Structure formats: C-alpha cells, structure tokens
Amino acid sequence: MNEEIKLLEKRIEEKRNEMICIASEKGYTSQEAVRISQELDRLLNEYLTLKKR
C-alpha cells in the first residue's frame, strides 16, 4: 500500500479519536467539535481522492 495512504489513514484515525473525545466533553455541536469534524472531512476527501488514482 502506498505510504501516503497509510499516513493519511493514521491521521484520519487520530482525528476521529480527537473528535470523539472533544464531542463527549463539550458536545457534538460545540465550535471545537465542529472544527475537528470539518478537518476530518477534509482528510477523508483527500483519502478518497488518493484511493481513486
């Protein structure tokens, strides 16, 4: 598997865990949880783009 994809998978998992932690502490609609969710969305879009190549 491509190293770039592996790294991205790791970053996605870390961001997902961060989002779950923040959301459970501050709520899913808190500004911080929404910001992290948006960052996760960007990582997932990047991942899907790489996988289509």
PDB file of N, CA and C in Angstrom:
ATOM      1  N   MET A   1       0.852  -1.189   0.000  1.00  0.00           N
ATOM      2  CA  MET A   1       0.000   0.000   0.000  1.00  0.00           C
ATOM      3  C   MET A   1       0.892   1.245   0.000  1.00  0.00           C
ATOM      4  N   ASN A   2       0.436   2.228  -0.658  1.00  0.00           N
ATOM      5  CA  ASN A   2       1.144   3.485  -0.763  1.00  0.00           C
ATOM      6  C   ASN A   2       1.388   4.086   0.636  1.00  0.00           C
ATOM      7  N   GLU A   3       2.604   4.570   0.857  1.00  0.00           N
ATOM      8  CA  GLU A   3       2.943   5.158   2.166  1.00  0.00           C
ATOM      9  C   GLU A   3       2.101   6.393   2.468  1.00  0.00           C
ATOM     10  N   GLU A   4       1.788   7.161   1.436  1.00  0.00           N
ATOM     11  CA  GLU A   4       0.973   8.362   1.628  1.00  0.00           C
ATOM     12  C   GLU A   4      -0.419   7.981   2.129  1.00  0.00           C
ATOM     13  N   ILE A   5      -0.967   6.910   1.597  1.00  0.00           N
ATOM     14  CA  ILE A   5      -2.288   6.443   2.034  1.00  0.00           C
ATOM     15  C   ILE A   5      -2.227   5.924   3.461  1.00  0.00           C
ATOM     16  N   LYS A   6      -1.186   5.191   3.792  1.00  0.00           N
ATOM     17  CA  LYS A   6      -1.027   4.691   5.166  1.00  0.00           C
ATOM     18  C   LYS A   6      -0.955   5.837   6.167  1.00  0.00           C
ATOM     19  N   LEU A   7      -0.182   6.860   5.820  1.00  0.00           N
ATOM     20  CA  LEU A   7      -0.054   8.019   6.704  1.00  0.00           C
ATOM     21  C   LEU A   7      -1.392   8.723   6.859  1.00  0.00           C
ATOM     22  N   LEU A   8      -2.103   8.852   5.765  1.00  0.00           N
ATOM     23  CA  LEU A   8      -3.411   9.501   5.802  1.00  0.00           C
ATOM     24  C   LEU A   8      -4.400   8.694   6.643  1.00  0.00           C
ATOM     25  N   GLU A   9      -4.364   7.385   6.541  1.00  0.00           N
ATOM     26  CA  GLU A   9      -5.227   6.534   7.368  1.00  0.00           C
ATOM     27  C   GLU A   9      -4.950   6.750   8.844  1.00  0.00           C
ATOM     28  N   LYS A  10      -3.676   6.880   9.190  1.00  0.00           N
ATOM     29  CA  LYS A  10      -3.290   7.118  10.587  1.00  0.00           C
ATOM     30  C   LYS A  10      -3.808   8.483  11.058  1.00  0.00           C
ATOM     31  N   ARG A  11      -3.658   9.497  10.219  1.00  0.00           N
ATOM     32  CA  ARG A  11      -4.132  10.836  10.570  1.00  0.00           C
ATOM     33  C   ARG A  11      -5.653  10.857  10.713  1.00  0.00           C
ATOM     34  N   ILE A  12      -6.350  10.124   9.863  1.00  0.00           N
ATOM     35  CA  ILE A  12      -7.812  10.040   9.945  1.00  0.00           C
ATOM     36  C   ILE A  12      -8.233   9.404  11.262  1.00  0.00           C
ATOM     37  N   GLU A  13      -7.592   8.318  11.623  1.00  0.00           N
ATOM     38  CA  GLU A  13      -7.930   7.634  12.876  1.00  0.00           C
ATOM     39  C   GLU A  13      -7.662   8.540  14.080  1.00  0.00           C
ATOM     40  N   GLU A  14      -6.532   9.252  14.067  1.00  0.00           N
ATOM     41  CA  GLU A  14      -6.205  10.164  15.166  1.00  0.00           C
ATOM     42  C   GLU A  14      -7.231  11.296  15.254  1.00  0.00           C
ATOM     43  N   LYS A  15      -7.604  11.857  14.103  1.00  0.00           N
ATOM     44  CA  LYS A  15      -8.572  12.963  14.080  1.00  0.00           C
ATOM     45  C   LYS A  15      -9.941  12.482  14.533  1.00  0.00           C
ATOM     46  N   ARG A  16     -10.312  11.273  14.130  1.00  0.00           N
ATOM     47  CA  ARG A  16     -11.598  10.702  14.552  1.00  0.00           C
ATOM     48  C   ARG A  16     -11.629  10.544  16.072  1.00  0.00           C
ATOM     49  N   ASN A  17     -10.555  10.023  16.633  1.00  0.00           N
ATOM     50  CA  ASN A  17     -10.483   9.854  18.093  1.00  0.00           C
ATOM     51  C   ASN A  17     -10.526  11.201  18.813  1.00  0.00           C
ATOM     52  N   GLU A  18      -9.841  12.185  18.250  1.00  0.00           N
ATOM     53  CA  GLU A  18      -9.850  13.533  18.828  1.00  0.00           C
ATOM     54  C   GLU A  18     -11.273  14.102  18.815  1.00  0.00           C
ATOM     55  N   MET A  19     -11.970  13.920  17.703  1.00  0.00           N
ATOM     56  CA  MET A  19     -13.328  14.442  17.583  1.00  0.00           C
ATOM     57  C   MET A  19     -14.257  13.782  18.605  1.00  0.00           C
ATOM     58  N   ILE A  20     -14.153  12.481  18.757  1.00  0.00           N
ATOM     59  CA  ILE A  20     -14.994  11.764  19.711  1.00  0.00           C
ATOM     60  C   ILE A  20     -14.728  12.254  21.132  1.00  0.00           C
ATOM     61  N   CYS A  21     -13.477  12.445  21.459  1.00  0.00           N
ATOM     62  CA  CYS A  21     -13.103  12.912  22.799  1.00  0.00           C
ATOM     63  C   CYS A  21     -13.657  14.313  23.067  1.00  0.00           C
ATOM     64  N   ILE A  22     -13.432  15.226  22.141  1.00  0.00           N
ATOM     65  CA  ILE A  22     -13.906  16.604  22.315  1.00  0.00           C
ATOM     66  C   ILE A  22     -15.428  16.648  22.349  1.00  0.00           C
ATOM     67  N   ALA A  23     -16.069  15.897  21.454  1.00  0.00           N
ATOM     68  CA  ALA A  23     -17.535  15.896  21.399  1.00  0.00           C
ATOM     69  C   ALA A  23     -18.141  15.356  22.685  1.00  0.00           C
ATOM     70  N   SER A  24     -17.508  14.343  23.282  1.00  0.00           N
ATOM     71  CA  SER A  24     -18.051  13.794  24.523  1.00  0.00           C
ATOM     72  C   SER A  24     -17.849  14.746  25.695  1.00  0.00           C
ATOM     73  N   GLU A  25     -16.803  15.584  25.627  1.00  0.00           N
ATOM     74  CA  GLU A  25     -16.548  16.557  26.692  1.00  0.00           C
ATOM     75  C   GLU A  25     -17.372  17.833  26.528  1.00  0.00           C
ATOM     76  N   LYS A  26     -17.442  18.328  25.276  1.00  0.00           N
ATOM     77  CA  LYS A  26     -18.022  19.651  25.050  1.00  0.00           C
ATOM     78  C   LYS A  26     -19.315  19.645  24.250  1.00  0.00           C
ATOM     79  N   GLY A  27     -19.693  18.468  23.752  1.00  0.00           N
ATOM     80  CA  GLY A  27     -20.913  18.365  22.949  1.00  0.00           C
ATOM     81  C   GLY A  27     -20.590  18.336  21.465  1.00  0.00           C
ATOM     82  N   TYR A  28     -21.437  17.634  20.729  1.00  0.00           N
ATOM     83  CA  TYR A  28     -21.199  17.455  19.300  1.00  0.00           C
ATOM     84  C   TYR A  28     -21.381  18.738  18.500  1.00  0.00           C
ATOM     85  N   THR A  29     -22.084  19.708  19.048  1.00  0.00           N
ATOM     86  CA  THR A  29     -22.300  20.954  18.317  1.00  0.00           C
ATOM     87  C   THR A  29     -21.392  22.083  18.800  1.00  0.00           C
ATOM     88  N   SER A  30     -20.441  21.770  19.682  1.00  0.00           N
ATOM     89  CA  SER A  30     -19.508  22.799  20.129  1.00  0.00           C
ATOM     90  C   SER A  30     -18.645  23.242  18.952  1.00  0.00           C
ATOM     91  N   GLN A  31     -18.174  24.478  19.001  1.00  0.00           N
ATOM     92  CA  GLN A  31     -17.342  25.006  17.913  1.00  0.00           C
ATOM     93  C   GLN A  31     -16.125  24.126  17.664  1.00  0.00           C
ATOM     94  N   GLU A  32     -15.499  23.678  18.726  1.00  0.00           N
ATOM     95  CA  GLU A  32     -14.297  22.864  18.587  1.00  0.00           C
ATOM     96  C   GLU A  32     -14.601  21.513  17.934  1.00  0.00           C
ATOM     97  N   ALA A  33     -15.692  20.881  18.344  1.00  0.00           N
ATOM     98  CA  ALA A  33     -16.073  19.591  17.744  1.00  0.00           C
ATOM     99  C   ALA A  33     -16.408  19.759  16.265  1.00  0.00           C
ATOM    100  N   VAL A  34     -17.101  20.841  15.922  1.00  0.00           N
ATOM    101  CA  VAL A  34     -17.445  21.095  14.523  1.00  0.00           C
ATOM    102  C   VAL A  34     -16.183  21.347  13.707  1.00  0.00           C
ATOM    103  N   ARG A  35     -15.250  22.122  14.256  1.00  0.00           N
ATOM    104  CA  ARG A  35     -13.993  22.407  13.558  1.00  0.00           C
ATOM    105  C   ARG A  35     -13.221  21.119  13.292  1.00  0.00           C
ATOM    106  N   ILE A  36     -13.124  20.262  14.291  1.00  0.00           N
ATOM    107  CA  ILE A  36     -12.406  18.997  14.142  1.00  0.00           C
ATOM    108  C   ILE A  36     -13.127  18.096  13.142  1.00  0.00           C
ATOM    109  N   SER A  37     -14.447  18.104  13.175  1.00  0.00           N
ATOM    110  CA  SER A  37     -15.228  17.324  12.214  1.00  0.00           C
ATOM    111  C   SER A  37     -14.947  17.786  10.785  1.00  0.00           C
ATOM    112  N   GLN A  38     -14.835  19.087  10.590  1.00  0.00           N
ATOM    113  CA  GLN A  38     -14.516  19.618   9.270  1.00  0.00           C
ATOM    114  C   GLN A  38     -13.114  19.218   8.825  1.00  0.00           C
ATOM    115  N   GLU A  39     -12.170  19.211   9.758  1.00  0.00           N
ATOM    116  CA  GLU A  39     -10.809  18.752   9.445  1.00  0.00           C
ATOM    117  C   GLU A  39     -10.834  17.279   9.047  1.00  0.00           C
ATOM    118  N   LEU A  40     -11.625  16.493   9.761  1.00  0.00           N
ATOM    119  CA  LEU A  40     -11.767  15.071   9.435  1.00  0.00           C
ATOM    120  C   LEU A  40     -12.372  14.902   8.044  1.00  0.00           C
ATOM    121  N   ASP A  41     -13.366  15.703   7.728  1.00  0.00           N
ATOM    122  CA  ASP A  41     -13.967  15.654   6.388  1.00  0.00           C
ATOM    123  C   ASP A  41     -12.918  15.913   5.310  1.00  0.00           C
ATOM    124  N   ARG A  42     -12.069  16.905   5.528  1.00  0.00           N
ATOM    125  CA  ARG A  42     -11.022  17.216   4.546  1.00  0.00           C
ATOM    126  C   ARG A  42     -10.063  16.040   4.374  1.00  0.00           C
ATOM    127  N   LEU A  43      -9.690  15.420   5.494  1.00  0.00           N
ATOM    128  CA  LEU A  43      -8.797  14.257   5.421  1.00  0.00           C
ATOM    129  C   LEU A  43      -9.458  13.103   4.675  1.00  0.00           C
ATOM    130  N   LEU A  44     -10.732  12.876   4.938  1.00  0.00           N
ATOM    131  CA  LEU A  44     -11.449  11.792   4.263  1.00  0.00           C
ATOM    132  C   LEU A  44     -11.582  12.064   2.767  1.00  0.00           C
ATOM    133  N   ASN A  45     -11.833  13.311   2.393  1.00  0.00           N
ATOM    134  CA  ASN A  45     -11.908  13.657   0.972  1.00  0.00           C
ATOM    135  C   ASN A  45     -10.561  13.445   0.290  1.00  0.00           C
ATOM    136  N   GLU A  46      -9.493  13.834   0.964  1.00  0.00           N
ATOM    137  CA  GLU A  46      -8.147  13.623   0.429  1.00  0.00           C
ATOM    138  C   GLU A  46      -7.870  12.125   0.261  1.00  0.00           C
ATOM    139  N   TYR A  47      -8.264  11.345   1.241  1.00  0.00           N
ATOM    140  CA  TYR A  47      -8.082   9.893   1.200  1.00  0.00           C
ATOM    141  C   TYR A  47      -8.823   9.285   0.005  1.00  0.00           C
ATOM    142  N   LEU A  48     -10.068   9.670  -0.175  1.00  0.00           N
ATOM    143  CA  LEU A  48     -10.866   9.132  -1.279  1.00  0.00           C
ATOM    144  C   LEU A  48     -10.271   9.523  -2.631  1.00  0.00           C
ATOM    145  N   THR A  49      -9.755  10.730  -2.725  1.00  0.00           N
ATOM    146  CA  THR A  49      -9.114  11.176  -3.957  1.00  0.00           C
ATOM    147  C   THR A  49      -7.887  10.316  -4.270  1.00  0.00           C
ATOM    148  N   LEU A  50      -7.086  10.047  -3.251  1.00  0.00           N
ATOM    149  CA  LEU A  50      -5.890   9.213  -3.455  1.00  0.00           C
ATOM    150  C   LEU A  50      -6.256   7.782  -3.825  1.00  0.00           C
ATOM    151  N   LYS A  51      -7.301   7.255  -3.225  1.00  0.00           N
ATOM    152  CA  LYS A  51      -7.704   5.876  -3.490  1.00  0.00           C
ATOM    153  C   LYS A  51      -8.231   5.701  -4.921  1.00  0.00           C
ATOM    154  N   LYS A  52      -8.751   6.772  -5.511  1.00  0.00           N
ATOM    155  CA  LYS A  52      -9.304   6.679  -6.867  1.00  0.00           C
ATOM    156  C   LYS A  52      -8.210   6.642  -7.929  1.00  0.00           C
ATOM    157  N   ARG A  53      -7.008   7.032  -7.594  1.00  0.00           N
ATOM    158  CA  ARG A  53      -5.909   7.050  -8.570  1.00  0.00           C
ATOM    159  C   ARG A  53      -5.544   5.665  -9.032  1.00  0.00           C
TER     160      ARG A  53
END
